[in-house]
Amino acid sequence: MDEQIMACRHLAQFFQIAIEYNMNEIDFTRKALCSEYKEGIEIYKPQWYSQSQYYYFEEFMEENIVESKIYNDEEIEYEKERMYWLGYCLQTWSNKTLKSGKEISTILGTKGIEHLLQNYKIYHTVDPMYVLEDSEEYLEIVIKGDSSSVTLL
């Protein structure tokens, strides 16, 4: 399997677990993008793919305090799908732009993550790079390009 696709799937599954642990999506996303787990999958170290995401999630929880949110039974499946998509999309951006999770988190900020989550129903059926282009335009940010040209507009 392609390393980049594997990284997307791993981060997506990691994001999905946040709902099982009743974590606030935005706070979790900001912290997960800056986590040791995200750094590990960015450099495609084999050991990061040999363990279950639950194993790394336990480590993540030891190092991070994430705001909680209680999901009712009707929300859980939808929220897990939305978080899976978000993780997959953000890792795709990382792969294609060569930006780290920390850089993407900084550029997007809370407003950008809220935008992605609020527009899941529209965005989840299109290519993640289209989502990136549309988000850059709407949020007036720049993620694509070399690291020296990344700036907030």
C-alpha atoms as a PDB file:
ATOM      1  CA  MET A   1       0.000   0.000   0.000  1.00  0.00           C
ATOM      2  CA  ASP A   2       1.146   3.513  -0.783  1.00  0.00           C
ATOM      3  CA  GLU A   3       2.717   5.190   2.275  1.00  0.00           C
ATOM      4  CA  GLN A   4       0.766   8.394   1.774  1.00  0.00           C
ATOM      5  CA  ILE A   5      -2.586   6.615   1.627  1.00  0.00           C
ATOM      6  CA  MET A   6      -1.631   4.581   4.680  1.00  0.00           C
ATOM      7  CA  ALA A   7      -0.793   7.806   6.539  1.00  0.00           C
ATOM      8  CA  CYS A   8      -4.185   9.260   5.574  1.00  0.00           C
ATOM      9  CA  ARG A   9      -6.023   6.206   6.841  1.00  0.00           C
ATOM     10  CA  HIS A  10      -4.091   6.108  10.096  1.00  0.00           C
ATOM     11  CA  LEU A  11      -4.705   9.757  10.907  1.00  0.00           C
ATOM     12  CA  ALA A  12      -8.364   9.393   9.904  1.00  0.00           C
ATOM     13  CA  GLN A  13      -8.816   6.460  12.269  1.00  0.00           C
ATOM     14  CA  PHE A  14      -6.975   8.353  15.006  1.00  0.00           C
ATOM     15  CA  PHE A  15      -9.382  11.278  14.584  1.00  0.00           C
ATOM     16  CA  GLN A  16     -12.361   8.936  14.654  1.00  0.00           C
ATOM     17  CA  ILE A  17     -11.354   7.615  18.075  1.00  0.00           C
ATOM     18  CA  ALA A  18     -11.733  11.124  19.540  1.00  0.00           C
ATOM     19  CA  ILE A  19     -15.504  10.742  19.335  1.00  0.00           C
ATOM     20  CA  GLU A  20     -15.406   7.456  21.247  1.00  0.00           C
ATOM     21  CA  TYR A  21     -13.570   9.313  24.025  1.00  0.00           C
ATOM     22  CA  ASN A  22     -16.049  12.254  23.984  1.00  0.00           C
ATOM     23  CA  MET A  23     -13.519  14.847  22.886  1.00  0.00           C
ATOM     24  CA  ASN A  24     -14.304  18.259  21.493  1.00  0.00           C
ATOM     25  CA  GLU A  25     -13.564  18.070  17.757  1.00  0.00           C
ATOM     26  CA  ILE A  26     -11.834  21.432  17.419  1.00  0.00           C
ATOM     27  CA  ASP A  27      -9.663  21.194  20.522  1.00  0.00           C
ATOM     28  CA  PHE A  28      -8.745  17.622  19.640  1.00  0.00           C
ATOM     29  CA  THR A  29      -7.874  18.519  16.027  1.00  0.00           C
ATOM     30  CA  ARG A  30      -5.584  21.375  17.069  1.00  0.00           C
ATOM     31  CA  LYS A  31      -3.751  19.164  19.561  1.00  0.00           C
ATOM     32  CA  ALA A  32      -3.648  16.056  17.355  1.00  0.00           C
ATOM     33  CA  LEU A  33      -2.077  17.981  14.472  1.00  0.00           C
ATOM     34  CA  CYS A  34       0.748  18.995  16.814  1.00  0.00           C
ATOM     35  CA  SER A  35       1.136  15.582  18.432  1.00  0.00           C
ATOM     36  CA  GLU A  36       4.019  13.143  18.418  1.00  0.00           C
ATOM     37  CA  TYR A  37       1.737  10.662  16.645  1.00  0.00           C
ATOM     38  CA  LYS A  38       1.181  13.088  13.741  1.00  0.00           C
ATOM     39  CA  GLU A  39       4.920  13.756  13.533  1.00  0.00           C
ATOM     40  CA  GLY A  40       5.568  10.012  13.390  1.00  0.00           C
ATOM     41  CA  ILE A  41       3.195   9.346  10.533  1.00  0.00           C
ATOM     42  CA  GLU A  42       4.510  12.367   8.623  1.00  0.00           C
ATOM     43  CA  ILE A  43       7.934  10.734   8.336  1.00  0.00           C
ATOM     44  CA  TYR A  44       6.460   7.300   7.542  1.00  0.00           C
ATOM     45  CA  LYS A  45       8.278   5.406  10.288  1.00  0.00           C
ATOM     46  CA  PRO A  46       7.140   1.773  10.089  1.00  0.00           C
ATOM     47  CA  GLN A  47       6.674   1.439  13.849  1.00  0.00           C
ATOM     48  CA  TRP A  48       3.961   4.107  13.719  1.00  0.00           C
ATOM     49  CA  TYR A  49       1.933   1.793  11.503  1.00  0.00           C
ATOM     50  CA  SER A  50       2.568  -1.434  13.400  1.00  0.00           C
ATOM     51  CA  GLN A  51       0.401  -0.607  16.416  1.00  0.00           C
ATOM     52  CA  SER A  52      -3.291   0.130  16.649  1.00  0.00           C
ATOM     53  CA  GLN A  53      -4.284   3.777  16.719  1.00  0.00           C
ATOM     54  CA  TYR A  54      -5.752   3.052  20.176  1.00  0.00           C
ATOM     55  CA  TYR A  55      -2.238   2.368  21.453  1.00  0.00           C
ATOM     56  CA  TYR A  56      -1.045   5.792  20.302  1.00  0.00           C
ATOM     57  CA  PHE A  57      -4.278   7.409  21.422  1.00  0.00           C
ATOM     58  CA  GLU A  58      -3.576   6.325  24.982  1.00  0.00           C
ATOM     59  CA  GLU A  59      -0.178   8.043  24.771  1.00  0.00           C
ATOM     60  CA  PHE A  60      -1.825  11.114  23.233  1.00  0.00           C
ATOM     61  CA  MET A  61      -4.275  11.309  26.155  1.00  0.00           C
ATOM     62  CA  GLU A  62      -1.428  11.110  28.675  1.00  0.00           C
ATOM     63  CA  GLU A  63       0.264  14.105  27.043  1.00  0.00           C
ATOM     64  CA  ASN A  64      -2.803  16.212  26.190  1.00  0.00           C
ATOM     65  CA  ILE A  65      -5.844  17.422  28.047  1.00  0.00           C
ATOM     66  CA  VAL A  66      -8.627  17.849  25.515  1.00  0.00           C
ATOM     67  CA  GLU A  67     -11.935  19.568  26.185  1.00  0.00           C
ATOM     68  CA  SER A  68     -14.782  17.104  26.412  1.00  0.00           C
ATOM     69  CA  LYS A  69     -18.074  16.994  24.595  1.00  0.00           C
ATOM     70  CA  ILE A  70     -20.871  14.540  25.237  1.00  0.00           C
ATOM     71  CA  TYR A  71     -22.381  13.072  22.088  1.00  0.00           C
ATOM     72  CA  ASN A  72     -25.812  11.503  22.187  1.00  0.00           C
ATOM     73  CA  ASP A  73     -26.316   8.072  20.626  1.00  0.00           C
ATOM     74  CA  GLU A  74     -27.777   9.540  17.446  1.00  0.00           C
ATOM     75  CA  GLU A  75     -24.752  11.784  16.843  1.00  0.00           C
ATOM     76  CA  ILE A  76     -21.951   9.302  17.395  1.00  0.00           C
ATOM     77  CA  GLU A  77     -21.899   7.566  14.003  1.00  0.00           C
ATOM     78  CA  TYR A  78     -22.173  10.843  12.067  1.00  0.00           C
ATOM     79  CA  GLU A  79     -19.463  12.511  14.155  1.00  0.00           C
ATOM     80  CA  LYS A  80     -17.120   9.539  13.742  1.00  0.00           C
ATOM     81  CA  GLU A  81     -17.552   9.728   9.951  1.00  0.00           C
ATOM     82  CA  ARG A  82     -16.992  13.487   9.997  1.00  0.00           C
ATOM     83  CA  MET A  83     -13.815  13.152  12.054  1.00  0.00           C
ATOM     84  CA  TYR A  84     -12.535  10.301   9.865  1.00  0.00           C
ATOM     85  CA  TRP A  85     -12.996  12.555   6.833  1.00  0.00           C
ATOM     86  CA  LEU A  86     -11.302  15.483   8.571  1.00  0.00           C
ATOM     87  CA  GLY A  87      -8.246  13.435   9.538  1.00  0.00           C
ATOM     88  CA  TYR A  88      -7.978  11.952   6.042  1.00  0.00           C
ATOM     89  CA  CYS A  89      -8.318  15.377   4.442  1.00  0.00           C
ATOM     90  CA  LEU A  90      -5.737  17.043   6.689  1.00  0.00           C
ATOM     91  CA  GLN A  91      -3.207  14.251   6.132  1.00  0.00           C
ATOM     92  CA  THR A  92      -3.766  14.506   2.374  1.00  0.00           C
ATOM     93  CA  TRP A  93      -2.957  18.202   2.610  1.00  0.00           C
ATOM     94  CA  SER A  94       0.141  17.394   4.623  1.00  0.00           C
ATOM     95  CA  ASN A  95       1.234  14.845   2.017  1.00  0.00           C
ATOM     96  CA  LYS A  96       0.607  17.078  -0.984  1.00  0.00           C
ATOM     97  CA  THR A  97       1.889  20.385   0.407  1.00  0.00           C
ATOM     98  CA  LEU A  98       4.698  18.941   2.549  1.00  0.00           C
ATOM     99  CA  LYS A  99       3.414  20.991   5.484  1.00  0.00           C
ATOM    100  CA  SER A 100       3.593  19.541   8.968  1.00  0.00           C
ATOM    101  CA  GLY A 101       0.547  19.144  11.143  1.00  0.00           C
ATOM    102  CA  LYS A 102       1.824  21.995  13.306  1.00  0.00           C
ATOM    103  CA  GLU A 103       2.036  24.306  10.305  1.00  0.00           C
ATOM    104  CA  ILE A 104      -1.442  23.370   9.116  1.00  0.00           C
ATOM    105  CA  SER A 105      -2.865  23.800  12.614  1.00  0.00           C
ATOM    106  CA  THR A 106      -1.301  27.234  12.931  1.00  0.00           C
ATOM    107  CA  ILE A 107      -2.540  28.373   9.532  1.00  0.00           C
ATOM    108  CA  LEU A 108      -6.072  27.000   9.917  1.00  0.00           C
ATOM    109  CA  GLY A 109      -6.576  27.973  13.527  1.00  0.00           C
ATOM    110  CA  THR A 110      -9.892  27.388  15.221  1.00  0.00           C
ATOM    111  CA  LYS A 111     -11.800  29.282  12.531  1.00  0.00           C
ATOM    112  CA  GLY A 112     -10.462  27.045   9.756  1.00  0.00           C
ATOM    113  CA  ILE A 113     -11.247  23.809  11.588  1.00  0.00           C
ATOM    114  CA  GLU A 114     -14.756  25.073  12.363  1.00  0.00           C
ATOM    115  CA  HIS A 115     -15.178  25.881   8.665  1.00  0.00           C
ATOM    116  CA  LEU A 116     -14.189  22.363   7.631  1.00  0.00           C
ATOM    117  CA  LEU A 117     -16.456  20.689  10.180  1.00  0.00           C
ATOM    118  CA  GLN A 118     -19.410  22.936   9.375  1.00  0.00           C
ATOM    119  CA  ASN A 119     -19.075  22.224   5.656  1.00  0.00           C
ATOM    120  CA  TYR A 120     -18.551  18.472   5.924  1.00  0.00           C
ATOM    121  CA  LYS A 121     -21.811  17.711   4.097  1.00  0.00           C
ATOM    122  CA  ILE A 122     -20.627  19.745   1.113  1.00  0.00           C
ATOM    123  CA  TYR A 123     -16.943  18.863   1.144  1.00  0.00           C
ATOM    124  CA  HIS A 124     -16.861  15.158   2.005  1.00  0.00           C
ATOM    125  CA  THR A 125     -17.736  14.033  -1.517  1.00  0.00           C
ATOM    126  CA  VAL A 126     -15.011  15.992  -3.302  1.00  0.00           C
ATOM    127  CA  ASP A 127     -11.256  15.686  -3.631  1.00  0.00           C
ATOM    128  CA  PRO A 128      -9.400  16.938  -0.526  1.00  0.00           C
ATOM    129  CA  MET A 129      -7.289  19.241  -2.688  1.00  0.00           C
ATOM    130  CA  TYR A 130     -10.441  20.980  -3.924  1.00  0.00           C
ATOM    131  CA  VAL A 131     -11.418  21.407  -0.263  1.00  0.00           C
ATOM    132  CA  LEU A 132      -7.994  22.960   0.324  1.00  0.00           C
ATOM    133  CA  GLU A 133      -8.379  25.404  -2.560  1.00  0.00           C
ATOM    134  CA  ASP A 134     -11.886  26.399  -1.530  1.00  0.00           C
ATOM    135  CA  SER A 135     -10.893  26.764   2.123  1.00  0.00           C
ATOM    136  CA  GLU A 136      -7.863  28.884   1.242  1.00  0.00           C
ATOM    137  CA  GLU A 137     -10.096  31.229  -0.730  1.00  0.00           C
ATOM    138  CA  TYR A 138     -12.901  31.378   1.843  1.00  0.00           C
ATOM    139  CA  LEU A 139     -10.625  31.739   4.887  1.00  0.00           C
ATOM    140  CA  GLU A 140      -8.106  33.952   3.073  1.00  0.00           C
ATOM    141  CA  ILE A 141      -5.159  31.758   4.004  1.00  0.00           C
ATOM    142  CA  VAL A 142      -2.344  30.117   2.067  1.00  0.00           C
ATOM    143  CA  ILE A 143      -1.307  26.541   2.755  1.00  0.00           C
ATOM    144  CA  LYS A 144       0.000  25.483  -0.656  1.00  0.00           C
ATOM    145  CA  GLY A 145       3.438  26.533  -1.803  1.00  0.00           C
ATOM    146  CA  ASP A 146       6.865  26.277  -0.245  1.00  0.00           C
ATOM    147  CA  SER A 147       7.298  26.723   3.497  1.00  0.00           C
ATOM    148  CA  SER A 148       8.748  30.203   3.150  1.00  0.00           C
ATOM    149  CA  SER A 149       5.618  31.483   1.392  1.00  0.00           C
ATOM    150  CA  VAL A 150       3.041  30.277   3.926  1.00  0.00           C
ATOM    151  CA  THR A 151       1.357  33.312   5.395  1.00  0.00           C
ATOM    152  CA  LEU A 152      -1.977  34.401   6.698  1.00  0.00           C
ATOM    153  CA  LEU A 153      -3.621  36.912   4.440  1.00  0.00           C
END
